[in-house]
Amino acid sequence: SNNVILLYSGVSRSKSLNGGNTGNWNREH
């Protein structure tokens, strides 16, 4: 529950790592 699943890669990543840097996840249209 601390993570989100990334759409294209399928990776589970921490919810706190949202942003624009390498290693972050962002909002894909």
PDB file of all heavy atoms in Angstrom:
ATOM      1  N   SER A   1       0.801  -1.224   0.000  1.00  0.00           N
ATOM      2  CA  SER A   1       0.000   0.000   0.000  1.00  0.00           C
ATOM      3  C   SER A   1       0.831   1.270   0.000  1.00  0.00           C
ATOM      4  O   SER A   1       0.288   2.363  -0.151  1.00  0.00           O
ATOM      5  CB  SER A   1      -0.945   0.008   1.203  1.00  0.00           C
ATOM      6  OG  SER A   1      -0.216  -0.017   2.417  1.00  0.00           O
ATOM      7  N   ASN A   2       2.140   1.143   0.143  1.00  0.00           N
ATOM      8  CA  ASN A   2       3.020   2.311   0.082  1.00  0.00           C
ATOM      9  C   ASN A   2       3.466   2.636  -1.339  1.00  0.00           C
ATOM     10  O   ASN A   2       4.118   3.656  -1.559  1.00  0.00           O
ATOM     11  CB  ASN A   2       4.266   2.084   0.949  1.00  0.00           C
ATOM     12  CG  ASN A   2       3.943   1.979   2.423  1.00  0.00           C
ATOM     13  OD1 ASN A   2       3.163   2.777   2.944  1.00  0.00           O
ATOM     14  ND2 ASN A   2       4.524   1.003   3.101  1.00  0.00           N
ATOM     15  N   ASN A   3       3.120   1.771  -2.288  1.00  0.00           N
ATOM     16  CA  ASN A   3       3.616   1.904  -3.652  1.00  0.00           C
ATOM     17  C   ASN A   3       2.492   2.033  -4.663  1.00  0.00           C
ATOM     18  O   ASN A   3       1.331   1.722  -4.370  1.00  0.00           O
ATOM     19  CB  ASN A   3       4.457   0.675  -4.027  1.00  0.00           C
ATOM     20  CG  ASN A   3       5.802   0.634  -3.331  1.00  0.00           C
ATOM     21  OD1 ASN A   3       6.068   1.417  -2.419  1.00  0.00           O
ATOM     22  ND2 ASN A   3       6.660  -0.277  -3.750  1.00  0.00           N
ATOM     23  N   VAL A   4       2.867   2.476  -5.872  1.00  0.00           N
ATOM     24  CA  VAL A   4       1.985   2.436  -7.033  1.00  0.00           C
ATOM     25  C   VAL A   4       2.627   1.549  -8.092  1.00  0.00           C
ATOM     26  O   VAL A   4       3.842   1.359  -8.110  1.00  0.00           O
ATOM     27  CB  VAL A   4       1.726   3.843  -7.624  1.00  0.00           C
ATOM     28  CG1 VAL A   4       0.893   4.685  -6.672  1.00  0.00           C
ATOM     29  CG2 VAL A   4       3.033   4.546  -7.993  1.00  0.00           C
ATOM     30  N   ILE A   5       1.789   0.987  -8.981  1.00  0.00           N
ATOM     31  CA  ILE A   5       2.278   0.217 -10.114  1.00  0.00           C
ATOM     32  C   ILE A   5       2.405   1.157 -11.311  1.00  0.00           C
ATOM     33  O   ILE A   5       1.450   1.856 -11.677  1.00  0.00           O
ATOM     34  CB  ILE A   5       1.326  -0.936 -10.466  1.00  0.00           C
ATOM     35  CG1 ILE A   5       1.190  -1.904  -9.289  1.00  0.00           C
ATOM     36  CG2 ILE A   5       1.811  -1.674 -11.714  1.00  0.00           C
ATOM     37  CD1 ILE A   5       2.430  -2.704  -8.984  1.00  0.00           C
ATOM     38  N   LEU A   6       3.581   1.192 -11.927  1.00  0.00           N
ATOM     39  CA  LEU A   6       3.816   2.067 -13.074  1.00  0.00           C
ATOM     40  C   LEU A   6       3.284   1.411 -14.347  1.00  0.00           C
ATOM     41  O   LEU A   6       3.538   0.232 -14.613  1.00  0.00           O
ATOM     42  CB  LEU A   6       5.311   2.377 -13.204  1.00  0.00           C
ATOM     43  CG  LEU A   6       5.980   2.935 -11.941  1.00  0.00           C
ATOM     44  CD1 LEU A   6       7.403   3.385 -12.257  1.00  0.00           C
ATOM     45  CD2 LEU A   6       5.170   4.097 -11.337  1.00  0.00           C
ATOM     46  N   LEU A   7       2.572   2.180 -15.142  1.00  0.00           N
ATOM     47  CA  LEU A   7       1.827   1.647 -16.274  1.00  0.00           C
ATOM     48  C   LEU A   7       2.692   0.885 -17.266  1.00  0.00           C
ATOM     49  O   LEU A   7       2.459  -0.292 -17.528  1.00  0.00           O
ATOM     50  CB  LEU A   7       1.086   2.786 -16.993  1.00  0.00           C
ATOM     51  CG  LEU A   7       0.342   2.397 -18.272  1.00  0.00           C
ATOM     52  CD1 LEU A   7      -0.805   1.443 -17.975  1.00  0.00           C
ATOM     53  CD2 LEU A   7      -0.175   3.645 -18.996  1.00  0.00           C
ATOM     54  N   TYR A   8       3.664   1.545 -17.867  1.00  0.00           N
ATOM     55  CA  TYR A   8       4.390   0.934 -18.975  1.00  0.00           C
ATOM     56  C   TYR A   8       5.423  -0.092 -18.529  1.00  0.00           C
ATOM     57  O   TYR A   8       5.643  -1.090 -19.212  1.00  0.00           O
ATOM     58  CB  TYR A   8       5.068   2.020 -19.824  1.00  0.00           C
ATOM     59  CG  TYR A   8       4.116   2.982 -20.477  1.00  0.00           C
ATOM     60  CD1 TYR A   8       4.351   4.362 -20.444  1.00  0.00           C
ATOM     61  CD2 TYR A   8       2.973   2.540 -21.127  1.00  0.00           C
ATOM     62  CE1 TYR A   8       3.479   5.255 -21.041  1.00  0.00           C
ATOM     63  CE2 TYR A   8       2.088   3.422 -21.719  1.00  0.00           C
ATOM     64  CZ  TYR A   8       2.347   4.784 -21.680  1.00  0.00           C
ATOM     65  OH  TYR A   8       1.472   5.672 -22.271  1.00  0.00           O
ATOM     66  N   SER A   9       6.064   0.123 -17.395  1.00  0.00           N
ATOM     67  CA  SER A   9       7.131  -0.775 -16.952  1.00  0.00           C
ATOM     68  C   SER A   9       6.635  -1.883 -16.041  1.00  0.00           C
ATOM     69  O   SER A   9       7.277  -2.923 -15.917  1.00  0.00           O
ATOM     70  CB  SER A   9       8.229   0.019 -16.237  1.00  0.00           C
ATOM     71  OG  SER A   9       7.701   0.652 -15.077  1.00  0.00           O
ATOM     72  N   GLY A  10       5.499  -1.676 -15.355  1.00  0.00           N
ATOM     73  CA  GLY A  10       4.992  -2.659 -14.412  1.00  0.00           C
ATOM     74  C   GLY A  10       5.700  -2.646 -13.077  1.00  0.00           C
ATOM     75  O   GLY A  10       5.407  -3.459 -12.206  1.00  0.00           O
ATOM     76  N   VAL A  11       6.620  -1.723 -12.873  1.00  0.00           N
ATOM     77  CA  VAL A  11       7.400  -1.651 -11.643  1.00  0.00           C
ATOM     78  C   VAL A  11       6.540  -1.111 -10.506  1.00  0.00           C
ATOM     79  O   VAL A  11       5.693  -0.248 -10.708  1.00  0.00           O
ATOM     80  CB  VAL A  11       8.640  -0.753 -11.858  1.00  0.00           C
ATOM     81  CG1 VAL A  11       9.321  -0.409 -10.535  1.00  0.00           C
ATOM     82  CG2 VAL A  11       9.614  -1.422 -12.809  1.00  0.00           C
ATOM     83  N   SER A  12       6.765  -1.632  -9.294  1.00  0.00           N
ATOM     84  CA  SER A  12       6.144  -1.099  -8.085  1.00  0.00           C
ATOM     85  C   SER A  12       7.094  -0.083  -7.469  1.00  0.00           C
ATOM     86  O   SER A  12       8.237  -0.406  -7.143  1.00  0.00           O
ATOM     87  CB  SER A  12       5.875  -2.238  -7.093  1.00  0.00           C
ATOM     88  OG  SER A  12       5.313  -1.745  -5.902  1.00  0.00           O
ATOM     89  N   ARG A  13       6.627   1.166  -7.315  1.00  0.00           N
ATOM     90  CA  ARG A  13       7.505   2.247  -6.845  1.00  0.00           C
ATOM     91  C   ARG A  13       6.808   3.029  -5.731  1.00  0.00           C
ATOM     92  O   ARG A  13       5.601   3.197  -5.733  1.00  0.00           O
ATOM     93  CB  ARG A  13       7.873   3.170  -8.007  1.00  0.00           C
ATOM     94  CG  ARG A  13       8.891   4.255  -7.654  1.00  0.00           C
ATOM     95  CD  ARG A  13       9.475   4.874  -8.908  1.00  0.00           C
ATOM     96  NE  ARG A  13      10.272   3.896  -9.655  1.00  0.00           N
ATOM     97  CZ  ARG A  13      10.758   4.092 -10.882  1.00  0.00           C
ATOM     98  NH1 ARG A  13      10.530   5.239 -11.496  1.00  0.00           N
ATOM     99  NH2 ARG A  13      11.459   3.162 -11.481  1.00  0.00           N
ATOM    100  N   SER A  14       7.607   3.529  -4.809  1.00  0.00           N
ATOM    101  CA  SER A  14       7.082   4.259  -3.656  1.00  0.00           C
ATOM    102  C   SER A  14       6.215   5.438  -4.098  1.00  0.00           C
ATOM    103  O   SER A  14       6.566   6.196  -5.011  1.00  0.00           O
ATOM    104  CB  SER A  14       8.234   4.776  -2.793  1.00  0.00           C
ATOM    105  OG  SER A  14       7.745   5.615  -1.767  1.00  0.00           O
ATOM    106  N   LYS A  15       5.079   5.589  -3.426  1.00  0.00           N
ATOM    107  CA  LYS A  15       4.201   6.719  -3.703  1.00  0.00           C
ATOM    108  C   LYS A  15       4.910   8.050  -3.481  1.00  0.00           C
ATOM    109  O   LYS A  15       4.581   9.048  -4.126  1.00  0.00           O
ATOM    110  CB  LYS A  15       2.965   6.647  -2.808  1.00  0.00           C
ATOM    111  CG  LYS A  15       2.017   5.509  -3.122  1.00  0.00           C
ATOM    112  CD  LYS A  15       0.852   5.480  -2.136  1.00  0.00           C
ATOM    113  CE  LYS A  15      -0.122   4.357  -2.454  1.00  0.00           C
ATOM    114  NZ  LYS A  15      -1.249   4.293  -1.485  1.00  0.00           N
ATOM    115  N   SER A  16       5.872   8.062  -2.584  1.00  0.00           N
ATOM    116  CA  SER A  16       6.563   9.307  -2.246  1.00  0.00           C
ATOM    117  C   SER A  16       7.530   9.762  -3.333  1.00  0.00           C
ATOM    118  O   SER A  16       7.992  10.905  -3.313  1.00  0.00           O
ATOM    119  CB  SER A  16       7.317   9.152  -0.924  1.00  0.00           C
ATOM    120  OG  SER A  16       8.369   8.210  -1.053  1.00  0.00           O
ATOM    121  N   LEU A  17       7.826   8.887  -4.313  1.00  0.00           N
ATOM    122  CA  LEU A  17       8.795   9.228  -5.356  1.00  0.00           C
ATOM    123  C   LEU A  17       8.122   9.831  -6.579  1.00  0.00           C
ATOM    124  O   LEU A  17       8.523   9.585  -7.710  1.00  0.00           O
ATOM    125  CB  LEU A  17       9.599   7.983  -5.753  1.00  0.00           C
ATOM    126  CG  LEU A  17      10.564   7.451  -4.694  1.00  0.00           C
ATOM    127  CD1 LEU A  17      11.237   6.165  -5.168  1.00  0.00           C
ATOM    128  CD2 LEU A  17      11.624   8.507  -4.361  1.00  0.00           C
ATOM    129  N   ASN A  18       7.096  10.646  -6.358  1.00  0.00           N
ATOM    130  CA  ASN A  18       6.470  11.339  -7.481  1.00  0.00           C
ATOM    131  C   ASN A  18       7.210  12.654  -7.729  1.00  0.00           C
ATOM    132  O   ASN A  18       7.543  13.375  -6.804  1.00  0.00           O
ATOM    133  CB  ASN A  18       4.988  11.610  -7.202  1.00  0.00           C
ATOM    134  CG  ASN A  18       4.747  12.449  -5.966  1.00  0.00           C
ATOM    135  OD1 ASN A  18       5.101  12.044  -4.866  1.00  0.00           O
ATOM    136  ND2 ASN A  18       4.152  13.629  -6.145  1.00  0.00           N
ATOM    137  N   GLY A  19       7.478  12.909  -8.993  1.00  0.00           N
ATOM    138  CA  GLY A  19       8.211  14.117  -9.351  1.00  0.00           C
ATOM    139  C   GLY A  19       8.743  14.036 -10.754  1.00  0.00           C
ATOM    140  O   GLY A  19       8.252  13.254 -11.572  1.00  0.00           O
ATOM    141  N   GLY A  20       9.781  14.814 -11.038  1.00  0.00           N
ATOM    142  CA  GLY A  20      10.290  14.891 -12.397  1.00  0.00           C
ATOM    143  C   GLY A  20      11.712  14.429 -12.582  1.00  0.00           C
ATOM    144  O   GLY A  20      12.275  14.599 -13.670  1.00  0.00           O
ATOM    145  N   ASN A  21      12.320  13.835 -11.564  1.00  0.00           N
ATOM    146  CA  ASN A  21      13.721  13.417 -11.657  1.00  0.00           C
ATOM    147  C   ASN A  21      13.846  11.947 -12.036  1.00  0.00           C
ATOM    148  O   ASN A  21      12.895  11.175 -11.914  1.00  0.00           O
ATOM    149  CB  ASN A  21      14.421  13.655 -10.316  1.00  0.00           C
ATOM    150  CG  ASN A  21      14.444  15.122  -9.930  1.00  0.00           C
ATOM    151  OD1 ASN A  21      14.630  15.998 -10.778  1.00  0.00           O
ATOM    152  ND2 ASN A  21      14.231  15.399  -8.644  1.00  0.00           N
ATOM    153  N   THR A  22      15.029  11.564 -12.478  1.00  0.00           N
ATOM    154  CA  THR A  22      15.307  10.165 -12.768  1.00  0.00           C
ATOM    155  C   THR A  22      15.038   9.330 -11.522  1.00  0.00           C
ATOM    156  O   THR A  22      15.451   9.676 -10.421  1.00  0.00           O
ATOM    157  CB  THR A  22      16.772   9.982 -13.199  1.00  0.00           C
ATOM    158  OG1 THR A  22      16.994  10.756 -14.389  1.00  0.00           O
ATOM    159  CG2 THR A  22      17.088   8.523 -13.474  1.00  0.00           C
ATOM    160  N   GLY A  23      14.317   8.237 -11.682  1.00  0.00           N
ATOM    161  CA  GLY A  23      13.936   7.400 -10.555  1.00  0.00           C
ATOM    162  C   GLY A  23      12.589   7.747  -9.963  1.00  0.00           C
ATOM    163  O   GLY A  23      12.073   7.016  -9.120  1.00  0.00           O
ATOM    164  N   ASN A  24      12.008   8.874 -10.403  1.00  0.00           N
ATOM    165  CA  ASN A  24      10.672   9.264  -9.962  1.00  0.00           C
ATOM    166  C   ASN A  24       9.608   8.694 -10.896  1.00  0.00           C
ATOM    167  O   ASN A  24       9.915   8.192 -11.984  1.00  0.00           O
ATOM    168  CB  ASN A  24      10.523  10.788  -9.951  1.00  0.00           C
ATOM    169  CG  ASN A  24      11.306  11.479  -8.855  1.00  0.00           C
ATOM    170  OD1 ASN A  24      11.554  12.672  -8.935  1.00  0.00           O
ATOM    171  ND2 ASN A  24      11.718  10.755  -7.825  1.00  0.00           N
ATOM    172  N   TRP A  25       8.351   8.823 -10.478  1.00  0.00           N
ATOM    173  CA  TRP A  25       7.230   8.575 -11.382  1.00  0.00           C
ATOM    174  C   TRP A  25       6.463   9.876 -11.570  1.00  0.00           C
ATOM    175  O   TRP A  25       6.456  10.740 -10.700  1.00  0.00           O
ATOM    176  CB  TRP A  25       6.318   7.464 -10.855  1.00  0.00           C
ATOM    177  CG  TRP A  25       5.646   7.706  -9.523  1.00  0.00           C
ATOM    178  CD1 TRP A  25       6.116   7.376  -8.289  1.00  0.00           C
ATOM    179  CD2 TRP A  25       4.355   8.314  -9.308  1.00  0.00           C
ATOM    180  NE1 TRP A  25       5.212   7.734  -7.314  1.00  0.00           N
ATOM    181  CE2 TRP A  25       4.119   8.310  -7.897  1.00  0.00           C
ATOM    182  CE3 TRP A  25       3.387   8.863 -10.151  1.00  0.00           C
ATOM    183  CZ2 TRP A  25       2.959   8.830  -7.332  1.00  0.00           C
ATOM    184  CZ3 TRP A  25       2.226   9.388  -9.581  1.00  0.00           C
ATOM    185  CH2 TRP A  25       2.023   9.359  -8.187  1.00  0.00           C
ATOM    186  N   ASN A  26       5.870  10.023 -12.737  1.00  0.00           N
ATOM    187  CA  ASN A  26       5.102  11.237 -13.009  1.00  0.00           C
ATOM    188  C   ASN A  26       3.761  10.897 -13.638  1.00  0.00           C
ATOM    189  O   ASN A  26       3.381   9.728 -13.726  1.00  0.00           O
ATOM    190  CB  ASN A  26       5.907  12.233 -13.856  1.00  0.00           C
ATOM    191  CG  ASN A  26       6.349  11.670 -15.193  1.00  0.00           C
ATOM    192  OD1 ASN A  26       5.969  10.553 -15.567  1.00  0.00           O
ATOM    193  ND2 ASN A  26       7.154  12.412 -15.916  1.00  0.00           N
ATOM    194  N   ARG A  27       3.025  11.934 -14.046  1.00  0.00           N
ATOM    195  CA  ARG A  27       1.650  11.780 -14.518  1.00  0.00           C
ATOM    196  C   ARG A  27       1.639  11.684 -16.041  1.00  0.00           C
ATOM    197  O   ARG A  27       1.783  12.694 -16.731  1.00  0.00           O
ATOM    198  CB  ARG A  27       0.813  12.970 -14.041  1.00  0.00           C
ATOM    199  CG  ARG A  27       0.701  13.107 -12.533  1.00  0.00           C
ATOM    200  CD  ARG A  27       0.315  14.523 -12.091  1.00  0.00           C
ATOM    201  NE  ARG A  27       1.384  15.487 -12.350  1.00  0.00           N
ATOM    202  CZ  ARG A  27       1.352  16.757 -11.974  1.00  0.00           C
ATOM    203  NH1 ARG A  27       0.289  17.232 -11.333  1.00  0.00           N
ATOM    204  NH2 ARG A  27       2.366  17.548 -12.246  1.00  0.00           N
ATOM    205  N   GLU A  28       1.442  10.489 -16.544  1.00  0.00           N
ATOM    206  CA  GLU A  28       1.406  10.261 -17.984  1.00  0.00           C
ATOM    207  C   GLU A  28       0.012  10.484 -18.542  1.00  0.00           C
ATOM    208  O   GLU A  28      -0.970   9.912 -18.041  1.00  0.00           O
ATOM    209  CB  GLU A  28       1.862   8.828 -18.294  1.00  0.00           C
ATOM    210  CG  GLU A  28       1.389   8.245 -19.617  1.00  0.00           C
ATOM    211  CD  GLU A  28       2.078   8.796 -20.846  1.00  0.00           C
ATOM    212  OE1 GLU A  28       2.512   9.963 -20.815  1.00  0.00           O
ATOM    213  OE2 GLU A  28       2.184   8.064 -21.840  1.00  0.00           O
ATOM    214  N   HIS A  29      -0.098  11.324 -19.561  1.00  0.00           N
ATOM    215  CA  HIS A  29      -1.335  11.467 -20.312  1.00  0.00           C
ATOM    216  C   HIS A  29      -1.324  10.399 -21.400  1.00  0.00           C
ATOM    217  O   HIS A  29      -0.607  10.523 -22.395  1.00  0.00           O
ATOM    218  CB  HIS A  29      -1.446  12.847 -20.945  1.00  0.00           C
ATOM    219  CG  HIS A  29      -1.646  13.959 -19.960  1.00  0.00           C
ATOM    220  ND1 HIS A  29      -0.618  14.497 -19.212  1.00  0.00           N
ATOM    221  CD2 HIS A  29      -2.776  14.620 -19.589  1.00  0.00           C
ATOM    222  CE1 HIS A  29      -1.087  15.454 -18.429  1.00  0.00           C
ATOM    223  NE2 HIS A  29      -2.401  15.548 -18.642  1.00  0.00           N
TER     224      HIS A  29
END
